[in-house]
């Protein structure tokens, strides 16, 4: 997972195709060559061992996709992170959870509502998941600290961002749980936050947006929750307040209107075990000349994202053969993957 160019989807397909990570790593150079590109530089074993030692010294541990401790709902996502660094109470992941997200520059009233909602959800036995950001996230963690809360961060497990949340993050180490996809020492960058958001949405039965402006990160989390088949909920606000426009838009588009914890409990009353999965298992390639399948897929791809299912249908090739062709293009650095299981050909 630390090798550049191997993302969560590629990782999952490689391991499914070759059986073990060791066999997959050995196959990467040839796959990239077949895809018409240069093989990515594989992450050195010594660097991986140093990271493992660092994680242990921090009092954290790894959660691996396919392992029993890994969040079950998150594992259903096609782009679930194969590796998470966790510090805190791992038992919280055995309980049903709800995400609460919202604006960093939230109003005082919205923060108070988020804190109270998180407290009440905790009294109903639910774990509250959020992103340890300013505003709504911080209020949600505070409200649920005594009953169970999980903070998903965009940087490394030992990085405190924003800096004023250092005390809050340390409190979650002791009384809650913190999860990080990035390796220790990673300072969060803008591109890391959407990745963080998919974890928040993916491990939760539903997502509540308390206050959010249009085109905000909270709406990205809501969209990811909807794509994962999870419940999307929003708290209405005044049409005169720009920070409420995102929530009001979500409600207009079909999100469940939330006024209290009872509304949330009612909305997610379907057991977590019945939440549908949008990910499809990797299918081994059926008999077909690999070069022929690769050529068909290349002809169908362009700069605009296209659904993988559509590529399979139009190519007439077996699903497994198309997936292998996409894998080869991906490892060659010629493919971009997008939300909703869409792909495009990367421009030269």
Protein backbone atom coordinates (compact mmCIF):
# COMPACT_ATOMS: atom_id res chain seq x y z
CA UNK A 1 0.00 0.00 0.00
CA UNK A 2 2.96 2.35 0.36
CA UNK A 3 4.01 1.79 -3.28
CA UNK A 4 3.09 4.83 -5.42
CA UNK A 5 0.46 3.98 -8.00
CA UNK A 6 -1.09 1.11 -6.01
CA UNK A 7 -4.34 2.44 -4.58
CA UNK A 8 -6.99 0.57 -2.59
CA UNK A 9 -8.86 -0.78 -5.63
CA UNK A 10 -5.66 -1.92 -7.35
CA UNK A 11 -4.42 -3.51 -4.13
CA UNK A 12 -7.65 -5.45 -3.69
CA UNK A 13 -7.60 -6.73 -7.27
CA UNK A 14 -3.93 -7.66 -7.13
CA UNK A 15 -4.32 -9.74 -3.98
CA UNK A 16 -7.53 -11.36 -5.27
CA UNK A 17 -5.82 -12.25 -8.54
CA UNK A 18 -2.49 -13.50 -7.17
CA UNK A 19 -3.52 -14.83 -3.77
CA UNK A 20 -0.92 -13.15 -1.55
CA UNK A 21 0.67 -9.69 -1.34
CA UNK A 22 4.10 -11.25 -2.00
CA UNK A 23 2.92 -12.86 -5.24
CA UNK A 24 1.17 -9.64 -6.25
CA UNK A 25 4.34 -7.58 -5.72
CA UNK A 26 6.32 -10.00 -7.85
CA UNK A 27 3.78 -9.63 -10.67
CA UNK A 28 3.64 -5.82 -10.68
CA UNK A 29 6.59 -5.15 -13.07
CA UNK A 30 5.23 -7.48 -15.77
CA UNK A 31 1.68 -6.15 -15.43
CA UNK A 32 2.90 -2.55 -15.79
CA UNK A 33 4.95 -3.52 -18.85
CA UNK A 34 1.89 -5.12 -20.46
CA UNK A 35 -0.06 -1.93 -19.75
CA UNK A 36 2.49 0.09 -21.71
CA UNK A 37 4.19 1.92 -18.85
CA UNK A 38 7.05 1.83 -16.40
CA UNK A 39 6.66 -0.27 -13.28
CA UNK A 40 6.22 1.74 -10.06
CA UNK A 41 9.12 1.68 -7.62
CA UNK A 42 8.13 -0.88 -5.00
CA UNK A 43 8.28 0.31 -1.39
CA UNK A 44 11.45 -1.08 0.23
CA UNK A 45 11.04 -3.74 2.91
CA UNK A 46 13.36 -1.79 5.22
CA UNK A 47 11.10 1.26 5.04
CA UNK A 48 8.05 -0.88 5.83
CA UNK A 49 9.82 -2.40 8.83
CA UNK A 50 10.77 1.06 10.13
CA UNK A 51 7.14 2.16 9.88
CA UNK A 52 5.98 -0.94 11.78
CA UNK A 53 8.41 -0.18 14.60
CA UNK A 54 7.25 3.44 14.70
CA UNK A 55 3.59 2.43 14.92
CA UNK A 56 4.37 0.08 17.81
CA UNK A 57 6.33 2.79 19.67
CA UNK A 58 3.35 5.13 19.35
CA UNK A 59 1.17 2.56 21.10
CA UNK A 60 -0.91 2.06 17.97
CA UNK A 61 -1.56 -0.99 15.81
CA UNK A 62 -2.48 -1.89 12.26
CA UNK A 63 -5.92 -3.00 11.12
CA UNK A 64 -5.75 -4.97 7.89
CA UNK A 65 -8.57 -5.51 5.39
CA UNK A 66 -9.79 -9.08 5.81
CA UNK A 67 -8.73 -9.21 9.46
CA UNK A 68 -11.38 -9.61 12.16
CA UNK A 69 -10.75 -6.26 13.86
CA UNK A 70 -11.18 -4.26 10.64
CA UNK A 71 -14.44 -2.21 10.56
CA UNK A 72 -17.00 -4.53 8.95
CA UNK A 73 -19.08 -1.94 7.11
CA UNK A 74 -15.97 -0.20 5.79
CA UNK A 75 -14.70 -3.49 4.37
CA UNK A 76 -17.72 -3.59 2.06
CA UNK A 77 -16.48 -0.60 0.06
CA UNK A 78 -14.64 -1.31 -3.15
CA UNK A 79 -12.03 1.32 -2.25
CA UNK A 80 -11.75 0.42 1.44
CA UNK A 81 -8.23 1.21 2.72
CA UNK A 82 -6.29 -2.07 3.00
CA UNK A 83 -4.38 -0.72 5.99
CA UNK A 84 -5.44 1.49 8.90
CA UNK A 85 -3.45 2.68 11.90
CA UNK A 86 -5.56 2.63 15.07
CA UNK A 87 -5.00 3.91 18.59
CA UNK A 88 -7.57 3.63 21.36
CA UNK A 89 -10.50 1.38 22.17
CA UNK A 90 -10.84 -1.12 19.31
CA UNK A 91 -14.04 -2.47 20.88
CA UNK A 92 -15.90 0.61 19.59
CA UNK A 93 -15.79 -0.86 16.08
CA UNK A 94 -18.00 -3.75 17.18
CA UNK A 95 -20.88 -1.34 17.82
CA UNK A 96 -23.21 0.38 15.36
CA UNK A 97 -22.01 3.87 14.48
CA UNK A 98 -23.36 7.10 13.03
CA UNK A 99 -21.27 9.87 11.48
CA UNK A 100 -21.84 13.51 12.39
CA UNK A 101 -20.11 16.04 10.13
CA UNK A 102 -20.45 19.71 9.30
CA UNK A 103 -18.87 23.11 8.87
CA UNK A 104 -15.55 24.06 10.43
CA UNK A 105 -16.78 27.64 10.86
CA UNK A 106 -20.05 26.45 12.32
CA UNK A 107 -22.40 28.69 14.25
CA UNK A 108 -22.56 28.44 18.04
CA UNK A 109 -26.12 27.11 17.79
CA UNK A 110 -25.08 24.36 15.36
CA UNK A 111 -22.17 23.30 17.57
CA UNK A 112 -24.46 23.12 20.56
CA UNK A 113 -26.95 21.03 18.57
CA UNK A 114 -24.20 18.67 17.33
CA UNK A 115 -22.86 18.19 20.86
CA UNK A 116 -26.32 17.44 22.23
CA UNK A 117 -27.18 15.13 19.33
CA UNK A 118 -23.96 13.16 19.81
CA UNK A 119 -24.67 12.84 23.54
CA UNK A 120 -28.20 11.59 22.92
CA UNK A 121 -27.05 9.12 20.27
CA UNK A 122 -24.53 7.78 22.74
CA UNK A 123 -27.32 7.28 25.27
CA UNK A 124 -28.99 5.13 22.60
CA UNK A 125 -25.92 2.92 22.36
CA UNK A 126 -24.56 4.38 19.13
CA UNK A 127 -20.92 5.27 18.49
CA UNK A 128 -20.36 8.71 16.94
CA UNK A 129 -17.81 8.98 14.11
CA UNK A 130 -16.37 12.28 12.89
CA UNK A 131 -13.22 13.83 11.46
CA UNK A 132 -11.60 15.67 14.42
CA UNK A 133 -11.82 18.98 12.59
CA UNK A 134 -12.88 22.34 14.00
CA UNK A 135 -16.52 23.20 14.47
CA UNK A 136 -19.14 20.46 14.16
CA UNK A 137 -16.64 17.57 14.28
CA UNK A 138 -15.16 18.77 17.58
CA UNK A 139 -18.59 19.33 19.10
CA UNK A 140 -19.71 15.82 18.07
CA UNK A 141 -16.64 14.18 19.63
CA UNK A 142 -17.11 16.16 22.85
CA UNK A 143 -20.74 15.11 23.15
CA UNK A 144 -19.99 11.41 22.70
CA UNK A 145 -16.67 11.15 24.57
CA UNK A 146 -18.19 9.29 27.52
CA UNK A 147 -20.27 6.87 25.42
CA UNK A 148 -18.01 6.13 22.44
CA UNK A 149 -16.58 8.19 19.60
CA UNK A 150 -14.17 7.54 16.72
CA UNK A 151 -12.01 10.25 15.12
CA UNK A 152 -10.84 9.61 11.56
CA UNK A 153 -7.91 11.88 10.67
CA UNK A 154 -6.40 12.89 7.35
CA UNK A 155 -2.75 12.78 8.47
CA UNK A 156 -0.63 10.38 10.47
CA UNK A 157 -1.78 9.01 13.82
CA UNK A 158 0.88 11.13 15.59
CA UNK A 159 0.01 14.39 13.83
CA UNK A 160 -2.40 16.80 15.52
CA UNK A 161 -4.45 18.80 13.04
CA UNK A 162 -5.71 21.36 13.63
CA UNK A 163 -3.11 22.05 16.35
CA UNK A 164 -5.72 23.24 18.84
CA UNK A 165 -7.28 19.76 18.74
CA UNK A 166 -4.20 18.05 20.21
CA UNK A 167 -5.85 17.68 23.61
CA UNK A 168 -9.06 16.37 22.04
CA UNK A 169 -7.18 13.81 19.93
CA UNK A 170 -5.22 12.62 22.96
CA UNK A 171 -8.50 12.28 24.85
CA UNK A 172 -9.75 9.99 22.07
CA UNK A 173 -6.56 7.92 22.36
CA UNK A 174 -7.51 7.31 25.99
CA UNK A 175 -11.31 7.23 25.94
CA UNK A 176 -12.26 6.73 22.30
CA UNK A 177 -10.52 5.65 19.10
CA UNK A 178 -8.49 7.39 16.38
CA UNK A 179 -8.01 5.93 12.88
CA UNK A 180 -5.55 7.05 10.20
CA UNK A 181 -4.99 5.77 6.68
CA UNK A 182 -1.76 7.71 6.17
CA UNK A 183 1.54 6.54 7.71
CA UNK A 184 2.83 8.16 10.92
CA UNK A 185 4.41 11.56 10.46
CA UNK A 186 2.23 12.49 7.46
CA UNK A 187 1.07 16.11 7.54
CA UNK A 188 -2.46 16.31 6.10
CA UNK A 189 -2.79 17.78 2.61
CA UNK A 190 -5.95 18.88 0.80
CA UNK A 191 -6.07 15.66 -1.24
CA UNK A 192 -6.07 13.55 1.93
CA UNK A 193 -9.39 14.85 3.25
CA UNK A 194 -11.70 13.22 0.65
CA UNK A 195 -9.94 9.91 1.41
CA UNK A 196 -10.61 10.51 5.10
CA UNK A 197 -14.25 11.32 4.34
CA UNK A 198 -14.87 7.97 2.62
CA UNK A 199 -13.73 6.18 5.78
CA UNK A 200 -16.10 8.24 7.94
CA UNK A 201 -19.02 7.50 5.62
CA UNK A 202 -18.00 3.91 4.95
CA UNK A 203 -17.77 2.71 8.55
CA UNK A 204 -21.07 4.33 9.58
CA UNK A 205 -24.65 3.14 9.15
CA UNK A 206 -25.63 6.71 8.31
CA UNK A 207 -24.22 10.24 8.10
CA UNK A 208 -25.78 13.33 9.68
CA UNK A 209 -24.79 16.72 8.23
CA UNK A 210 -25.47 19.45 10.79
CA UNK A 211 -24.32 22.58 8.97
CA UNK A 212 -22.59 22.82 5.59
CA UNK A 213 -22.08 25.33 2.82
CA UNK A 214 -22.54 24.27 -0.81
CA UNK A 215 -19.54 22.36 -2.26
CA UNK A 216 -18.14 21.70 1.21
CA UNK A 217 -16.26 18.63 2.39
CA UNK A 218 -19.27 17.60 4.46
CA UNK A 219 -21.34 17.27 1.30
CA UNK A 220 -18.62 15.05 -0.15
CA UNK A 221 -19.01 12.81 2.89
CA UNK A 222 -22.79 12.77 2.37
CA UNK A 223 -22.36 11.85 -1.30
CA UNK A 224 -19.96 9.04 -0.42
CA UNK A 225 -22.43 7.75 2.16
CA UNK A 226 -25.19 7.71 -0.45
CA UNK A 227 -22.95 5.90 -2.95
CA UNK A 228 -22.23 3.27 -0.29
CA UNK A 229 -25.96 2.74 0.25
CA UNK A 230 -25.95 4.31 3.70
CA UNK A 231 -28.54 6.67 5.16
CA UNK A 232 -27.98 10.39 4.51
CA UNK A 233 -29.51 12.77 7.06
CA UNK A 234 -29.40 16.54 7.40
CA UNK A 235 -30.40 19.18 9.93
CA UNK A 236 -32.38 22.03 8.33
CA UNK A 237 -31.34 25.63 8.81
CA UNK A 238 -32.31 29.17 7.94
CA UNK A 239 -32.24 29.91 4.20
CA UNK A 240 -30.63 33.22 5.16
CA UNK A 241 -27.54 31.46 6.55
CA UNK A 242 -25.06 30.28 3.85
CA UNK A 243 -23.85 27.60 6.25
CA UNK A 244 -27.29 25.96 6.10
CA UNK A 245 -27.62 25.92 2.32
CA UNK A 246 -25.84 22.60 1.90
CA UNK A 247 -28.10 20.86 4.43
CA UNK A 248 -31.25 22.35 2.96
CA UNK A 249 -30.13 21.19 -0.49
CA UNK A 250 -29.54 17.66 0.80
CA UNK A 251 -33.06 17.57 2.25
CA UNK A 252 -34.50 18.87 -1.02
CA UNK A 253 -32.64 16.08 -2.81
CA UNK A 254 -34.05 13.37 -0.56
CA UNK A 255 -31.95 13.28 2.62
CA UNK A 256 -33.85 12.52 5.84
CA UNK A 257 -34.68 15.64 7.87
CA UNK A 258 -33.24 15.37 11.38
CA UNK A 259 -34.43 17.33 14.42
CA UNK A 260 -33.29 15.07 17.26
CA UNK A 261 -31.67 11.74 18.10
CA UNK A 262 -34.98 9.90 17.81
CA UNK A 263 -35.13 10.88 14.14
CA UNK A 264 -31.65 9.41 13.59
CA UNK A 265 -32.47 6.17 15.40
CA UNK A 266 -35.63 5.79 13.31
CA UNK A 267 -33.77 6.48 10.05
CA UNK A 268 -31.12 3.82 10.70
CA UNK A 269 -33.35 1.20 12.29
CA UNK A 270 -32.35 -1.27 9.55
CA UNK A 271 -29.67 -3.46 11.14
CA UNK A 272 -26.13 -2.73 9.96
CA UNK A 273 -25.90 -6.31 8.67
CA UNK A 274 -28.56 -5.48 6.10
CA UNK A 275 -26.86 -2.37 4.70
CA UNK A 276 -26.23 -3.14 1.06
CA UNK A 277 -22.73 -3.29 -0.34
CA UNK A 278 -21.91 -1.51 -3.58
CA UNK A 279 -18.64 -3.33 -4.12
CA UNK A 280 -18.38 -6.30 -6.43
CA UNK A 281 -15.98 -9.16 -5.78
CA UNK A 282 -13.03 -9.43 -8.08
CA UNK A 283 -13.59 -12.06 -10.74
CA UNK A 284 -10.60 -14.00 -12.06
CA UNK A 285 -9.96 -13.48 -15.75
CA UNK A 286 -11.79 -15.90 -18.00
CA UNK A 287 -10.09 -17.37 -20.99
CA UNK A 288 -9.29 -14.62 -23.51
CA UNK A 289 -6.11 -13.34 -25.06
CA UNK A 290 -4.86 -10.68 -22.66
CA UNK A 291 -3.55 -8.40 -25.40
CA UNK A 292 -6.89 -8.57 -27.21
CA UNK A 293 -8.82 -7.58 -24.07
CA UNK A 294 -6.35 -4.77 -23.36
CA UNK A 295 -6.78 -3.41 -26.87
CA UNK A 296 -10.57 -3.46 -26.60
CA UNK A 297 -10.50 -1.65 -23.27
CA UNK A 298 -8.04 0.99 -24.49
CA UNK A 299 -10.27 1.77 -27.47
CA UNK A 300 -13.29 2.28 -25.23
CA UNK A 301 -11.52 4.49 -22.70
CA UNK A 302 -11.05 8.23 -23.04
CA UNK A 303 -10.47 11.29 -20.87
CA UNK A 304 -14.06 11.28 -19.57
CA UNK A 305 -14.89 8.89 -16.72
CA UNK A 306 -16.89 5.83 -17.79
CA UNK A 307 -18.47 3.11 -15.59
CA UNK A 308 -16.52 -0.13 -15.51
CA UNK A 309 -19.76 -2.06 -16.06
CA UNK A 310 -20.27 -0.12 -19.29
CA UNK A 311 -16.72 -0.91 -20.44
CA UNK A 312 -17.38 -4.61 -19.80
CA UNK A 313 -20.67 -4.51 -21.69
CA UNK A 314 -19.37 -2.63 -24.72
CA UNK A 315 -16.16 -4.65 -25.00
CA UNK A 316 -17.95 -7.98 -25.08
CA UNK A 317 -14.99 -9.37 -23.14
CA UNK A 318 -15.32 -11.42 -19.93
CA UNK A 319 -15.49 -9.32 -16.78
CA UNK A 320 -12.28 -10.81 -15.39
CA UNK A 321 -10.37 -10.04 -18.59
CA UNK A 322 -11.52 -6.40 -18.53
CA UNK A 323 -10.57 -6.06 -14.86
CA UNK A 324 -7.12 -7.44 -15.62
CA UNK A 325 -6.68 -4.98 -18.50
CA UNK A 326 -7.68 -2.09 -16.22
CA UNK A 327 -5.24 -3.37 -13.61
CA UNK A 328 -2.40 -3.39 -16.16
CA UNK A 329 -3.23 0.16 -17.30
CA UNK A 330 -3.47 1.29 -13.68
CA UNK A 331 -0.05 -0.09 -12.74
CA UNK A 332 1.41 1.46 -15.89
CA UNK A 333 0.23 4.88 -14.69
CA UNK A 334 -2.19 5.26 -17.59
CA UNK A 335 -5.52 4.96 -15.74
CA UNK A 336 -7.43 7.25 -13.39
CA UNK A 337 -10.07 5.81 -11.07
CA UNK A 338 -13.06 7.90 -10.03
CA UNK A 339 -15.92 7.65 -7.56
CA UNK A 340 -18.80 5.41 -8.52
CA UNK A 341 -16.54 2.70 -10.03
CA UNK A 342 -15.67 4.86 -13.04
CA UNK A 343 -12.38 4.99 -14.93
CA UNK A 344 -10.71 7.16 -17.55
CA UNK A 345 -7.55 7.07 -19.60
CA UNK A 346 -4.92 9.43 -18.26
CA UNK A 347 -3.76 12.00 -20.79
CA UNK A 348 -0.10 11.73 -21.75
